[in-house]
Protein backbone atom coordinates (compact mmCIF):
# COMPACT_ATOMS: atom_id res chain seq x y z
CA UNK A 1 0.00 0.00 0.00
CA UNK A 2 1.06 3.60 -0.56
CA UNK A 3 2.20 5.45 2.55
CA UNK A 4 -0.01 8.08 4.18
CA UNK A 5 1.35 11.56 3.45
CA UNK A 6 1.00 12.64 7.08
CA UNK A 7 3.30 9.87 8.34
CA UNK A 8 6.03 9.86 5.72
CA UNK A 9 9.62 10.56 6.68
CA UNK A 10 12.53 10.10 4.31
CA UNK A 11 16.28 9.94 4.70
CA UNK A 12 18.30 11.23 1.76
CA UNK A 13 22.02 10.49 1.76
CA UNK A 14 24.10 12.84 -0.36
CA UNK A 15 21.42 15.46 0.29
CA UNK A 16 23.76 18.38 -0.43
CA UNK A 17 24.71 17.00 -3.84
CA UNK A 18 23.27 17.62 -7.27
CA UNK A 19 20.47 15.05 -7.44
CA UNK A 20 20.12 14.72 -3.67
CA UNK A 21 19.30 18.38 -3.09
CA UNK A 22 16.67 18.36 -5.85
CA UNK A 23 15.15 15.18 -4.37
CA UNK A 24 15.07 16.65 -0.86
CA UNK A 25 13.25 19.72 -2.19
CA UNK A 26 10.73 17.57 -4.04
CA UNK A 27 10.05 15.43 -0.99
CA UNK A 28 9.51 18.46 1.25
CA UNK A 29 7.22 20.04 -1.37
CA UNK A 30 5.21 16.80 -1.39
CA UNK A 31 4.76 16.91 2.38
CA UNK A 32 7.50 14.57 3.58
CA UNK A 33 9.65 15.15 6.64
CA UNK A 34 13.21 14.82 5.35
CA UNK A 35 16.51 14.11 7.08
CA UNK A 36 19.50 14.75 4.85
CA UNK A 37 22.84 13.07 5.46
CA UNK A 38 25.99 14.47 3.89
CA UNK A 39 29.68 14.67 4.82
CA UNK A 40 30.62 17.47 2.39
CA UNK A 41 33.58 15.74 0.78
CA UNK A 42 36.13 17.96 -0.95
CA UNK A 43 35.38 16.54 -4.43
CA UNK A 44 34.03 20.00 -5.21
CA UNK A 45 33.69 23.16 -3.06
CA UNK A 46 31.63 23.03 0.10
CA UNK A 47 30.16 26.44 -0.81
CA UNK A 48 28.53 24.88 -3.87
CA UNK A 49 26.93 22.17 -1.77
CA UNK A 50 25.72 24.65 0.83
CA UNK A 51 24.19 26.69 -2.00
CA UNK A 52 22.38 23.53 -3.16
CA UNK A 53 20.60 23.46 0.21
CA UNK A 54 19.82 27.17 0.35
CA UNK A 55 16.05 26.73 -0.04
CA UNK A 56 15.96 24.08 2.71
CA UNK A 57 18.00 25.79 5.42
CA UNK A 58 14.98 27.35 7.14
CA UNK A 59 12.50 24.65 6.14
CA UNK A 60 10.95 23.08 9.29
CA UNK A 61 10.39 19.75 7.50
CA UNK A 62 14.11 19.38 6.72
CA UNK A 63 17.08 18.68 8.97
CA UNK A 64 20.68 17.86 8.09
CA UNK A 65 23.01 15.34 9.71
CA UNK A 66 26.61 16.04 8.73
CA UNK A 67 28.24 12.64 8.96
CA UNK A 68 30.40 10.29 6.92
CA UNK A 69 28.60 7.06 6.06
CA UNK A 70 31.86 5.13 6.47
CA UNK A 71 31.85 6.19 10.14
CA UNK A 72 29.13 6.32 12.77
CA UNK A 73 26.74 8.95 14.08
CA UNK A 74 24.04 8.81 11.36
CA UNK A 75 22.39 5.45 11.91
CA UNK A 76 19.76 6.75 14.32
CA UNK A 77 18.25 8.80 11.49
CA UNK A 78 16.98 5.57 9.90
CA UNK A 79 14.74 4.73 12.86
CA UNK A 80 11.11 5.20 11.88
CA UNK A 81 11.91 6.26 8.31
CA UNK A 82 9.34 5.43 5.66
CA UNK A 83 12.01 5.36 2.95
CA UNK A 84 15.74 5.78 2.51
CA UNK A 85 17.07 7.32 -0.70
CA UNK A 86 20.77 6.52 -0.86
CA UNK A 87 22.40 8.89 -3.35
CA UNK A 88 25.73 9.53 -1.62
CA UNK A 89 28.73 8.31 -3.62
CA UNK A 90 32.17 9.20 -4.88
CA UNK A 91 31.44 10.22 -8.46
CA UNK A 92 33.63 10.42 -11.56
CA UNK A 93 34.74 7.76 -14.01
CA UNK A 94 38.20 9.07 -14.88
CA UNK A 95 39.20 9.79 -11.29
CA UNK A 96 38.56 6.21 -10.19
CA UNK A 97 41.77 4.82 -11.69
CA UNK A 98 45.04 4.55 -9.78
CA UNK A 99 45.50 5.07 -6.05
CA UNK A 100 42.24 7.02 -5.71
CA UNK A 101 40.29 3.77 -6.15
CA UNK A 102 40.59 3.19 -2.42
CA UNK A 103 38.38 6.25 -1.88
CA UNK A 104 35.83 4.93 -4.39
CA UNK A 105 35.77 1.54 -2.70
CA UNK A 106 35.24 3.20 0.68
CA UNK A 107 32.63 5.78 -0.31
CA UNK A 108 30.70 3.63 -2.77
CA UNK A 109 31.02 0.02 -1.72
CA UNK A 110 31.71 0.10 2.03
CA UNK A 111 29.35 3.02 2.70
CA UNK A 112 26.57 1.40 0.67
CA UNK A 113 26.89 -1.88 2.55
CA UNK A 114 26.60 0.06 5.80
CA UNK A 115 23.48 1.83 4.54
CA UNK A 116 21.87 -1.46 3.51
CA UNK A 117 22.78 -3.11 6.82
CA UNK A 118 21.43 -0.20 8.84
CA UNK A 119 18.23 -0.06 6.80
CA UNK A 120 17.70 -3.79 7.32
CA UNK A 121 18.28 -3.49 11.07
CA UNK A 122 15.87 -0.53 11.28
CA UNK A 123 13.28 -2.40 9.18
CA UNK A 124 12.99 0.49 6.74
CA UNK A 125 10.06 -0.30 4.38
CA UNK A 126 11.83 0.90 1.20
CA UNK A 127 15.38 1.69 0.08
CA UNK A 128 16.12 3.33 -3.26
CA UNK A 129 19.74 3.78 -4.23
CA UNK A 130 21.73 5.29 -7.07
CA UNK A 131 23.43 2.88 -9.44
CA UNK A 132 24.74 4.12 -12.81
CA UNK A 133 24.65 3.48 -16.53
CA UNK A 134 28.40 2.92 -16.12
CA UNK A 135 27.65 -0.68 -15.14
CA UNK A 136 26.93 -1.44 -18.82
CA UNK A 137 30.31 -0.25 -20.14
CA UNK A 138 30.45 -0.29 -23.95
CA UNK A 139 27.29 -2.27 -24.63
CA UNK A 140 27.24 -4.28 -27.85
CA UNK A 141 23.58 -3.50 -28.57
CA UNK A 142 21.36 -0.50 -27.83
CA UNK A 143 19.26 0.56 -26.09
CA UNK A 144 20.34 -1.20 -22.91
CA UNK A 145 17.71 -3.37 -21.22
CA UNK A 146 17.98 -4.17 -17.52
CA UNK A 147 17.33 -7.91 -17.76
CA UNK A 148 19.25 -8.76 -20.92
CA UNK A 149 22.13 -6.33 -21.53
CA UNK A 150 25.34 -7.64 -19.90
CA UNK A 151 26.97 -5.43 -17.28
CA UNK A 152 30.64 -4.98 -18.20
CA UNK A 153 31.96 -1.77 -16.64
CA UNK A 154 35.02 -0.11 -18.16
CA UNK A 155 36.08 1.89 -15.12
CA UNK A 156 36.76 1.18 -11.46
CA UNK A 157 33.88 3.54 -10.67
CA UNK A 158 31.56 1.33 -12.72
CA UNK A 159 32.91 -1.71 -10.90
CA UNK A 160 31.93 -0.22 -7.53
CA UNK A 161 28.41 0.43 -8.77
CA UNK A 162 28.14 -3.08 -10.21
CA UNK A 163 29.35 -4.53 -6.91
CA UNK A 164 26.72 -2.47 -5.08
CA UNK A 165 24.08 -4.07 -7.29
CA UNK A 166 25.32 -7.46 -6.08
CA UNK A 167 25.09 -6.24 -2.48
CA UNK A 168 21.55 -5.01 -3.12
CA UNK A 169 20.60 -8.45 -4.46
CA UNK A 170 21.91 -10.06 -1.28
CA UNK A 171 19.98 -7.73 1.02
CA UNK A 172 16.85 -8.01 -1.12
CA UNK A 173 17.03 -11.79 -0.75
CA UNK A 174 17.12 -11.24 3.02
CA UNK A 175 13.86 -9.28 2.92
CA UNK A 176 14.96 -5.66 2.45
CA UNK A 177 12.73 -3.89 -0.10
CA UNK A 178 15.45 -2.30 -2.21
CA UNK A 179 15.55 -0.83 -5.71
CA UNK A 180 18.53 0.45 -7.70
CA UNK A 181 18.33 3.16 -10.36
CA UNK A 182 20.78 3.14 -13.26
CA UNK A 183 20.89 6.87 -13.94
CA UNK A 184 21.92 7.90 -17.45
CA UNK A 185 23.91 11.20 -17.54
CA UNK A 186 21.79 13.42 -15.34
CA UNK A 187 22.16 17.16 -16.02
CA UNK A 188 20.50 20.45 -15.10
CA UNK A 189 20.86 23.23 -12.51
CA UNK A 190 23.37 22.42 -9.74
CA UNK A 191 25.22 19.90 -11.91
CA UNK A 192 28.67 19.08 -10.55
CA UNK A 193 31.46 21.38 -11.79
CA UNK A 194 33.40 18.49 -13.33
CA UNK A 195 30.58 17.58 -15.72
CA UNK A 196 30.82 18.49 -19.40
CA UNK A 197 27.55 20.39 -19.82
CA UNK A 198 28.29 22.69 -16.89
CA UNK A 199 31.81 23.27 -18.16
CA UNK A 200 30.47 24.14 -21.61
CA UNK A 201 27.94 26.59 -20.13
CA UNK A 202 30.63 28.24 -18.02
CA UNK A 203 33.05 28.48 -20.94
CA UNK A 204 30.39 30.05 -23.14
CA UNK A 205 29.80 32.69 -20.48
CA UNK A 206 33.42 33.46 -19.70
CA UNK A 207 35.05 33.02 -23.10
CA UNK A 208 37.26 30.27 -21.67
CA UNK A 209 38.35 27.27 -23.71
CA UNK A 210 36.44 24.01 -23.30
CA UNK A 211 38.62 20.87 -23.21
CA UNK A 212 36.80 18.47 -25.53
CA UNK A 213 37.74 14.88 -24.78
CA UNK A 214 37.39 12.63 -27.82
CA UNK A 215 36.08 13.44 -31.28
CA UNK A 216 32.74 14.90 -30.15
CA UNK A 217 30.68 12.09 -31.66
CA UNK A 218 30.45 10.06 -28.48
CA UNK A 219 26.79 10.03 -27.43
CA UNK A 220 24.87 9.92 -24.17
CA UNK A 221 21.29 9.41 -23.10
CA UNK A 222 20.80 12.72 -21.26
CA UNK A 223 18.34 12.87 -18.35
CA UNK A 224 17.12 16.15 -16.88
CA UNK A 225 17.39 16.25 -13.10
CA UNK A 226 13.68 16.75 -12.38
CA UNK A 227 12.87 13.69 -14.48
CA UNK A 228 15.47 11.67 -12.54
CA UNK A 229 14.01 12.90 -9.26
CA UNK A 230 10.47 11.99 -10.30
CA UNK A 231 11.57 8.45 -11.12
CA UNK A 232 13.41 8.22 -7.81
CA UNK A 233 10.39 9.30 -5.80
CA UNK A 234 8.12 6.90 -7.66
CA UNK A 235 10.51 4.02 -6.97
CA UNK A 236 10.22 4.87 -3.28
CA UNK A 237 6.43 4.92 -3.16
CA UNK A 238 4.89 2.49 -5.69
CA UNK A 239 3.92 -1.02 -4.74
CA UNK A 240 6.44 -3.77 -5.51
CA UNK A 241 9.03 -1.97 -7.69
CA UNK A 242 11.57 -3.96 -9.72
CA UNK A 243 15.06 -4.60 -8.31
CA UNK A 244 16.69 -2.23 -10.83
CA UNK A 245 15.59 0.35 -13.38
CA UNK A 246 17.15 2.27 -16.24
CA UNK A 247 16.44 5.99 -15.83
CA UNK A 248 17.18 7.76 -19.12
CA UNK A 249 15.87 10.92 -20.70
CA UNK A 250 15.02 9.35 -24.04
CA UNK A 251 17.07 11.84 -26.06
CA UNK A 252 20.41 10.36 -27.03
CA UNK A 253 22.73 13.05 -28.37
CA UNK A 254 26.36 13.47 -29.33
CA UNK A 255 28.62 15.91 -27.54
CA UNK A 256 28.81 17.86 -30.80
CA UNK A 257 25.03 18.28 -30.80
CA UNK A 258 25.05 19.46 -27.19
CA UNK A 259 27.72 22.02 -27.98
CA UNK A 260 25.86 23.24 -31.05
CA UNK A 261 22.59 23.57 -29.13
CA UNK A 262 24.22 25.51 -26.30
CA UNK A 263 26.03 27.78 -28.76
CA UNK A 264 22.67 28.61 -30.31
CA UNK A 265 21.11 29.29 -26.92
CA UNK A 266 24.05 31.43 -25.78
CA UNK A 267 24.45 33.26 -29.07
CA UNK A 268 28.19 32.70 -29.11
CA UNK A 269 30.74 30.16 -30.33
CA UNK A 270 32.66 27.83 -28.07
CA UNK A 271 36.44 27.67 -28.29
CA UNK A 272 37.56 24.04 -28.21
CA UNK A 273 40.76 22.45 -26.98
CA UNK A 274 40.58 19.03 -28.61
CA UNK A 275 42.10 16.24 -26.54
CA UNK A 276 42.17 12.43 -26.75
CA UNK A 277 39.40 10.35 -25.26
CA UNK A 278 40.09 9.39 -21.66
CA UNK A 279 40.32 5.91 -20.18
CA UNK A 280 37.05 4.60 -18.85
CA UNK A 281 34.91 6.73 -21.18
CA UNK A 282 32.39 4.78 -23.25
CA UNK A 283 31.38 5.54 -26.81
CA UNK A 284 27.63 5.43 -26.36
CA UNK A 285 24.88 5.07 -23.76
CA UNK A 286 21.16 4.66 -24.33
CA UNK A 287 18.42 3.40 -22.05
CA UNK A 288 15.37 1.29 -22.64
CA UNK A 289 13.02 2.73 -19.99
CA UNK A 290 10.06 0.51 -20.77
CA UNK A 291 10.20 -1.18 -17.38
CA UNK A 292 10.03 2.18 -15.56
CA UNK A 293 7.15 3.29 -17.77
CA UNK A 294 5.17 0.12 -17.06
CA UNK A 295 5.76 -0.34 -13.34
CA UNK A 296 6.53 3.16 -12.06
CA UNK A 297 4.15 5.02 -14.35
CA UNK A 298 7.12 7.25 -15.15
CA UNK A 299 8.14 8.98 -18.34
CA UNK A 300 10.72 11.73 -18.93
CA UNK A 301 9.09 15.01 -19.91
CA UNK A 302 11.92 17.57 -20.28
CA UNK A 303 13.41 17.76 -23.79
CA UNK A 304 17.13 18.17 -24.27
CA UNK A 305 16.89 21.74 -25.68
CA UNK A 306 14.68 22.82 -22.76
CA UNK A 307 16.94 21.13 -20.24
CA UNK A 308 20.08 22.70 -21.71
CA UNK A 309 18.40 26.11 -21.66
CA UNK A 310 17.58 25.64 -17.97
CA UNK A 311 21.15 24.71 -17.05
CA UNK A 312 22.58 27.57 -19.09
CA UNK A 313 20.24 30.01 -17.33
CA UNK A 314 21.30 28.63 -13.95
CA UNK A 315 25.00 28.99 -14.77
CA UNK A 316 24.45 32.55 -15.94
CA UNK A 317 22.54 33.43 -12.79
CA UNK A 318 24.83 31.92 -10.16
CA UNK A 319 27.67 33.59 -8.31
CA UNK A 320 30.89 31.66 -9.01
CA UNK A 321 32.56 30.14 -5.98
CA UNK A 322 35.71 32.00 -5.01
CA UNK A 323 38.84 30.24 -6.16
CA UNK A 324 37.12 27.97 -8.67
CA UNK A 325 38.71 28.08 -12.13
CA UNK A 326 36.54 27.28 -15.12
CA UNK A 327 38.24 24.65 -17.29
C-alpha cells in the first residue's frame, strides 16, 4: 500500500549534492519530513553544496546530519523512516583509476553496505539507491535493457556500482525492499562542476576554452534532473518496484550536438581544446526505460533543448565560488 502523506519521513544520503538536493526539495514540497545526510567531501567546493541546500536551510520539514557514512553517528536517522534514498557516492569515471580507487571503494562500496545493513536493522520499508549506466560499459547493442544487456563496466567507478548491485541483491534476498536506479547522464541546474555540460555553459559565459575529450561524436542518453528525481520518488512509493531500473531521458545526443545547441542558446561560439578520449569513457549510452514506464508510471518530460536552456540560465545566474577556475 502507498504510505499516508502525514506519516512519511525520508532519509536522503548525499542530500547536499546535485540530485540529492533536488530530491530533498521535491520530498519536502510533497509533504515529507526529510533528514538529509551528507559529509561534504572535498570533491568540489563546500560552498557549492551549501548553495544547493539554500532553499531548505529554514525549512521546518528538513534537517541535516553532517556525517560520513563510512563512520558512525548517522544510523539513528533511519529509525522510523518510511524510505531511505541513498544517493551519496564518490562520483567520476576518470578519477577512479590509480590510487584514488581506495576512496571509491570506501565511499561507494563500504558506505553502501553500511546503509543497507542499517536499513535492514531498522526495518525500513523501502530503500532506493543510485546505481549508474556505467555498469553497462560499452554495450554491444542498444538501447540497454535491464534484464538482458550484460553489465561490463570499463572503469573502477563502474565496478563499484556493479558490486553495489550485487550487495543489493543479497539484502533483497534477506527481505529488504530495495531498488537500484541506473541513472543515465543526469544534467540540469546544480550539476557538478566536473561535468561536461556545466563546463560548456561556463566556458560560453566566460570566453574560456572548453577541453573536448574525444572526437565529439560520443553520445549519451541525457536525463534532466527533475525527471530523474520523479523516477526516484516513484521508486520509493509504488507497490512492488523492480530490483533495478534504467532511468534515461530518451534523447540520445552526441557531444557535438550538445555544444551546437548551447552555442545557439548562448548566441556565441565555443572555443575548443581538442584532446584524446580518456580511459574509462564509453562511446555510447542509451536506455530502454520501458520497465520504468510500465511499473513506475514514469516517463521523462523535459526535452534536451529545454533542459540545456535551464542549465545555461542557472549557470548565468549563479555567483561563481571564489577560487574555482573554469576549465
